[in-house]
Amino acid sequence: MSRFSTLFRETWWLWPLFLVGGIGLSMCSPVFLTTFPICIFVFFWFAYIRYDDSGEFKG
């Protein structure tokens, strides 16, 4: 769980941008609703790739 909280602490500003951008684009075309599941997948993927179980950067 600490890997997710660490990633969120470092990238908190990016996720509201994705949310606002996804909502804005979804108003143009419903196909852009796919950005939300993609963002969720990317969040978990980066957390597993970049951080270990204790939340330390693997680098």
Protein backbone atom coordinates (compact mmCIF):
# COMPACT_ATOMS: atom_id res chain seq x y z
CA MET A 1 0.00 0.00 0.00
CA SER A 2 2.90 2.36 0.63
CA ARG A 3 3.99 2.18 -3.01
CA PHE A 4 0.64 3.66 -4.06
CA SER A 5 0.69 6.40 -1.46
CA THR A 6 4.27 7.30 -2.39
CA LEU A 7 3.40 7.52 -6.07
CA PHE A 8 0.32 9.60 -5.30
CA ARG A 9 2.34 11.97 -3.10
CA GLU A 10 4.84 12.55 -5.90
CA THR A 11 2.31 12.91 -8.71
CA TRP A 12 -0.78 14.35 -6.98
CA TRP A 13 -0.85 17.34 -9.32
CA LEU A 14 -0.92 15.15 -12.43
CA TRP A 15 -4.06 13.16 -11.58
CA PRO A 16 -6.39 16.19 -11.30
CA LEU A 17 -5.06 17.32 -14.69
CA PHE A 18 -5.94 13.94 -16.19
CA LEU A 19 -9.37 14.09 -14.54
CA VAL A 20 -10.16 17.56 -15.85
CA GLY A 21 -8.72 16.76 -19.27
CA GLY A 22 -10.69 13.53 -19.48
CA ILE A 23 -13.92 15.24 -18.50
CA GLY A 24 -13.29 18.04 -20.99
CA LEU A 25 -12.52 15.68 -23.84
CA SER A 26 -15.46 13.43 -22.94
CA MET A 27 -17.80 16.35 -23.51
CA CYS A 28 -16.59 16.41 -27.11
CA SER A 29 -16.82 12.69 -27.73
CA PRO A 30 -17.73 9.76 -25.46
CA VAL A 31 -14.77 7.76 -26.79
CA PHE A 32 -12.57 9.81 -24.47
CA LEU A 33 -14.21 8.14 -21.46
CA THR A 34 -11.60 5.44 -22.01
CA THR A 35 -9.02 7.80 -20.53
CA PHE A 36 -10.27 7.03 -17.01
CA PRO A 37 -9.60 3.27 -17.01
CA ILE A 38 -6.32 3.90 -18.81
CA CYS A 39 -5.24 6.37 -16.10
CA ILE A 40 -6.14 3.87 -13.37
CA PHE A 41 -4.09 1.16 -15.09
CA VAL A 42 -1.12 3.52 -15.57
CA PHE A 43 -1.20 4.54 -11.90
CA PHE A 44 -0.99 0.94 -10.68
CA TRP A 45 1.55 -0.04 -13.32
CA PHE A 46 3.92 2.79 -12.43
CA ALA A 47 3.52 2.04 -8.73
CA TYR A 48 4.57 -1.58 -9.25
CA ILE A 49 7.40 -0.76 -11.65
CA ARG A 50 8.96 2.22 -9.84
CA TYR A 51 8.53 1.40 -6.12
CA ASP A 52 9.12 -1.59 -3.88
CA ASP A 53 6.78 -2.82 -1.12
CA SER A 54 8.05 -0.29 1.40
CA GLY A 55 7.55 2.65 -0.97
CA GLU A 56 11.24 3.14 -1.80
CA PHE A 57 12.26 4.09 -5.34
CA LYS A 58 13.74 1.09 -7.15
CA GLY A 59 15.87 3.26 -9.45
